[in-house]
Amino acid sequence: MLWYLLTRIQTIGNLNFVPRGLGIVGNAVSVILGIQNPTSNALLFNSLSGDLMVNGNSVGNVADFQPVTIMPNSETPITLLITPNIFGIAANAIDQISNGLTGGISAKLQAIANVNNTPVPVNVQFIQ
């Protein structure tokens, strides 16, 4: 039993989350993430919840609760919906204006995914 748990945790630790695309769905932004599984074990992606951060401000909430099988030795795409946070967007706009619109834009997704009932941190940099 312990060996099984250790190999599953090691397998989950090898996952790579890669940005693959953006789109608009209703009043939300969609982000396509590729989940790369370089191991020979299939895994079950259960959910993901987190924030889209732009220049340190949370500009949207991210959630996905659709189970997806992450195939072994391949990349499995998932689509996440980002619901805008008006206060975070306003704070980001104020920061940009205060910096004379000269500051760069840094966007990243900070979330926790549930893979095989194990929490997995997700930190994906989109723009820097």
C-alpha atoms as a PDB file:
ATOM      1  CA  MET A   1       0.000   0.000   0.000  1.00  0.00           C
ATOM      2  CA  LEU A   2       2.791   2.436   0.895  1.00  0.00           C
ATOM      3  CA  TRP A   3       4.597   1.666  -2.378  1.00  0.00           C
ATOM      4  CA  TYR A   4       1.401   2.405  -4.324  1.00  0.00           C
ATOM      5  CA  LEU A   5       0.987   5.774  -2.589  1.00  0.00           C
ATOM      6  CA  LEU A   6       4.618   6.761  -3.140  1.00  0.00           C
ATOM      7  CA  THR A   7       4.517   5.924  -6.853  1.00  0.00           C
ATOM      8  CA  ARG A   8       1.242   7.857  -7.311  1.00  0.00           C
ATOM      9  CA  ILE A   9       2.641  10.935  -5.551  1.00  0.00           C
ATOM     10  CA  GLN A  10       5.810  10.746  -7.658  1.00  0.00           C
ATOM     11  CA  THR A  11       3.718  10.381 -10.827  1.00  0.00           C
ATOM     12  CA  ILE A  12       1.595  13.419  -9.920  1.00  0.00           C
ATOM     13  CA  GLY A  13       4.763  15.418  -9.216  1.00  0.00           C
ATOM     14  CA  ASN A  14       5.874  14.844 -12.823  1.00  0.00           C
ATOM     15  CA  LEU A  15       2.832  16.574 -14.362  1.00  0.00           C
ATOM     16  CA  ASN A  16       3.460  19.725 -16.417  1.00  0.00           C
ATOM     17  CA  PHE A  17       0.788  22.392 -16.952  1.00  0.00           C
ATOM     18  CA  VAL A  18       1.314  24.342 -20.207  1.00  0.00           C
ATOM     19  CA  PRO A  19      -0.812  27.246 -21.591  1.00  0.00           C
ATOM     20  CA  ARG A  20      -2.239  26.352 -25.021  1.00  0.00           C
ATOM     21  CA  GLY A  21      -4.843  28.999 -25.859  1.00  0.00           C
ATOM     22  CA  LEU A  22      -7.288  31.747 -24.883  1.00  0.00           C
ATOM     23  CA  GLY A  23     -10.864  32.504 -25.871  1.00  0.00           C
ATOM     24  CA  ILE A  24     -14.125  34.178 -24.813  1.00  0.00           C
ATOM     25  CA  VAL A  25     -17.152  32.195 -23.590  1.00  0.00           C
ATOM     26  CA  GLY A  26     -20.119  34.407 -22.629  1.00  0.00           C
ATOM     27  CA  ASN A  27     -18.892  36.786 -19.922  1.00  0.00           C
ATOM     28  CA  ALA A  28     -15.846  34.659 -19.085  1.00  0.00           C
ATOM     29  CA  VAL A  29     -12.416  34.103 -20.577  1.00  0.00           C
ATOM     30  CA  SER A  30     -11.467  30.528 -21.397  1.00  0.00           C
ATOM     31  CA  VAL A  31      -7.930  29.236 -21.033  1.00  0.00           C
ATOM     32  CA  ILE A  32      -6.833  25.959 -22.544  1.00  0.00           C
ATOM     33  CA  LEU A  33      -4.172  24.191 -20.491  1.00  0.00           C
ATOM     34  CA  GLY A  34      -2.306  21.156 -21.664  1.00  0.00           C
ATOM     35  CA  ILE A  35      -1.550  18.683 -18.884  1.00  0.00           C
ATOM     36  CA  GLN A  36       1.554  16.735 -19.864  1.00  0.00           C
ATOM     37  CA  ASN A  37       1.892  13.320 -18.245  1.00  0.00           C
ATOM     38  CA  PRO A  38       5.358  11.909 -19.030  1.00  0.00           C
ATOM     39  CA  THR A  39       4.726   8.718 -17.042  1.00  0.00           C
ATOM     40  CA  SER A  40       3.123   5.402 -17.948  1.00  0.00           C
ATOM     41  CA  ASN A  41       0.227   5.819 -15.493  1.00  0.00           C
ATOM     42  CA  ALA A  42      -3.167   7.288 -16.373  1.00  0.00           C
ATOM     43  CA  LEU A  43      -4.410   9.807 -13.791  1.00  0.00           C
ATOM     44  CA  LEU A  44      -7.805  11.348 -13.014  1.00  0.00           C
ATOM     45  CA  PHE A  45      -7.992  15.148 -13.017  1.00  0.00           C
ATOM     46  CA  ASN A  46     -10.973  15.865 -10.742  1.00  0.00           C
ATOM     47  CA  SER A  47     -11.000  19.649 -10.347  1.00  0.00           C
ATOM     48  CA  LEU A  48      -9.064  22.909 -10.246  1.00  0.00           C
ATOM     49  CA  SER A  49      -9.688  26.127  -8.352  1.00  0.00           C
ATOM     50  CA  GLY A  50      -7.616  29.289  -8.150  1.00  0.00           C
ATOM     51  CA  ASP A  51      -6.969  32.840  -9.359  1.00  0.00           C
ATOM     52  CA  LEU A  52      -5.646  34.586 -12.436  1.00  0.00           C
ATOM     53  CA  MET A  53      -3.141  37.168 -11.225  1.00  0.00           C
ATOM     54  CA  VAL A  54      -2.109  40.176 -13.340  1.00  0.00           C
ATOM     55  CA  ASN A  55       0.715  42.277 -11.920  1.00  0.00           C
ATOM     56  CA  GLY A  56       0.013  40.818  -8.476  1.00  0.00           C
ATOM     57  CA  ASN A  57      -3.740  41.564  -8.497  1.00  0.00           C
ATOM     58  CA  SER A  58      -6.381  38.855  -8.718  1.00  0.00           C
ATOM     59  CA  VAL A  59      -8.384  39.712 -11.846  1.00  0.00           C
ATOM     60  CA  GLY A  60     -10.434  36.541 -12.054  1.00  0.00           C
ATOM     61  CA  ASN A  61     -11.441  33.295 -10.413  1.00  0.00           C
ATOM     62  CA  VAL A  62     -10.710  30.013 -12.134  1.00  0.00           C
ATOM     63  CA  ALA A  63     -12.669  26.839 -11.541  1.00  0.00           C
ATOM     64  CA  ASP A  64     -13.174  23.538 -13.310  1.00  0.00           C
ATOM     65  CA  PHE A  65     -14.983  20.566 -11.829  1.00  0.00           C
ATOM     66  CA  GLN A  66     -15.234  18.275 -14.873  1.00  0.00           C
ATOM     67  CA  PRO A  67     -13.323  15.011 -14.364  1.00  0.00           C
ATOM     68  CA  VAL A  68     -10.868  14.224 -17.163  1.00  0.00           C
ATOM     69  CA  THR A  69      -8.549  11.259 -17.589  1.00  0.00           C
ATOM     70  CA  ILE A  70      -4.948  12.370 -18.097  1.00  0.00           C
ATOM     71  CA  MET A  71      -3.573   9.796 -20.494  1.00  0.00           C
ATOM     72  CA  PRO A  72      -0.078   8.344 -19.943  1.00  0.00           C
ATOM     73  CA  ASN A  73       2.852   9.572 -22.050  1.00  0.00           C
ATOM     74  CA  SER A  74       0.804  12.311 -23.679  1.00  0.00           C
ATOM     75  CA  GLU A  75      -0.754  15.745 -23.267  1.00  0.00           C
ATOM     76  CA  THR A  76      -4.416  16.091 -22.316  1.00  0.00           C
ATOM     77  CA  PRO A  77      -6.091  19.498 -22.859  1.00  0.00           C
ATOM     78  CA  ILE A  78      -8.533  20.997 -20.359  1.00  0.00           C
ATOM     79  CA  THR A  79     -10.541  24.199 -20.751  1.00  0.00           C
ATOM     80  CA  LEU A  80     -10.806  26.504 -17.741  1.00  0.00           C
ATOM     81  CA  LEU A  81     -13.243  29.390 -17.393  1.00  0.00           C
ATOM     82  CA  ILE A  82     -11.996  32.573 -15.741  1.00  0.00           C
ATOM     83  CA  THR A  83     -14.749  34.693 -14.226  1.00  0.00           C
ATOM     84  CA  PRO A  84     -13.624  38.337 -14.080  1.00  0.00           C
ATOM     85  CA  ASN A  85     -13.207  40.082 -10.726  1.00  0.00           C
ATOM     86  CA  ILE A  86     -14.112  43.753 -11.298  1.00  0.00           C
ATOM     87  CA  PHE A  87     -12.258  44.936  -8.175  1.00  0.00           C
ATOM     88  CA  GLY A  88      -9.042  43.198  -9.235  1.00  0.00           C
ATOM     89  CA  ILE A  89      -9.313  44.600 -12.739  1.00  0.00           C
ATOM     90  CA  ALA A  90      -9.862  48.106 -11.306  1.00  0.00           C
ATOM     91  CA  ALA A  91      -6.873  47.730  -8.955  1.00  0.00           C
ATOM     92  CA  ASN A  92      -4.724  46.600 -11.866  1.00  0.00           C
ATOM     93  CA  ALA A  93      -5.852  49.572 -13.992  1.00  0.00           C
ATOM     94  CA  ILE A  94      -5.066  51.989 -11.138  1.00  0.00           C
ATOM     95  CA  ASP A  95      -1.617  50.428 -10.710  1.00  0.00           C
ATOM     96  CA  GLN A  96      -0.914  50.784 -14.447  1.00  0.00           C
ATOM     97  CA  ILE A  97      -2.013  54.440 -14.461  1.00  0.00           C
ATOM     98  CA  SER A  98       0.020  55.166 -11.310  1.00  0.00           C
ATOM     99  CA  ASN A  99       3.098  53.701 -12.997  1.00  0.00           C
ATOM    100  CA  GLY A 100       2.556  55.941 -16.019  1.00  0.00           C
ATOM    101  CA  LEU A 101       1.543  52.940 -18.152  1.00  0.00           C
ATOM    102  CA  THR A 102       5.237  52.016 -18.324  1.00  0.00           C
ATOM    103  CA  GLY A 103       5.087  48.904 -16.171  1.00  0.00           C
ATOM    104  CA  GLY A 104       5.085  45.553 -17.911  1.00  0.00           C
ATOM    105  CA  ILE A 105       2.303  43.018 -17.650  1.00  0.00           C
ATOM    106  CA  SER A 106       2.821  39.793 -15.765  1.00  0.00           C
ATOM    107  CA  ALA A 107      -0.033  37.267 -15.795  1.00  0.00           C
ATOM    108  CA  LYS A 108      -0.089  33.900 -14.124  1.00  0.00           C
ATOM    109  CA  LEU A 109      -2.503  31.262 -12.992  1.00  0.00           C
ATOM    110  CA  GLN A 110      -2.200  30.203  -9.343  1.00  0.00           C
ATOM    111  CA  ALA A 111      -4.419  27.275  -8.468  1.00  0.00           C
ATOM    112  CA  ILE A 112      -4.736  23.909  -6.801  1.00  0.00           C
ATOM    113  CA  ALA A 113      -5.730  20.916  -8.905  1.00  0.00           C
ATOM    114  CA  ASN A 114      -7.194  17.706  -7.522  1.00  0.00           C
ATOM    115  CA  VAL A 115      -5.512  14.818  -9.342  1.00  0.00           C
ATOM    116  CA  ASN A 116      -6.212  11.290  -8.077  1.00  0.00           C
ATOM    117  CA  ASN A 117      -7.626  12.908  -4.909  1.00  0.00           C
ATOM    118  CA  THR A 118      -4.267  14.589  -4.232  1.00  0.00           C
ATOM    119  CA  PRO A 119      -3.815  18.401  -4.209  1.00  0.00           C
ATOM    120  CA  VAL A 120      -1.374  19.570  -6.875  1.00  0.00           C
ATOM    121  CA  PRO A 121      -0.171  23.206  -7.013  1.00  0.00           C
ATOM    122  CA  VAL A 122      -0.522  24.813 -10.452  1.00  0.00           C
ATOM    123  CA  ASN A 123       1.562  27.896 -11.278  1.00  0.00           C
ATOM    124  CA  VAL A 124       1.446  28.790 -14.971  1.00  0.00           C
ATOM    125  CA  GLN A 125       3.083  31.969 -16.259  1.00  0.00           C
ATOM    126  CA  PHE A 126       1.271  33.444 -19.290  1.00  0.00           C
ATOM    127  CA  ILE A 127       2.895  36.834 -19.883  1.00  0.00           C
ATOM    128  CA  GLN A 128       5.985  38.388 -18.429  1.00  0.00           C
END
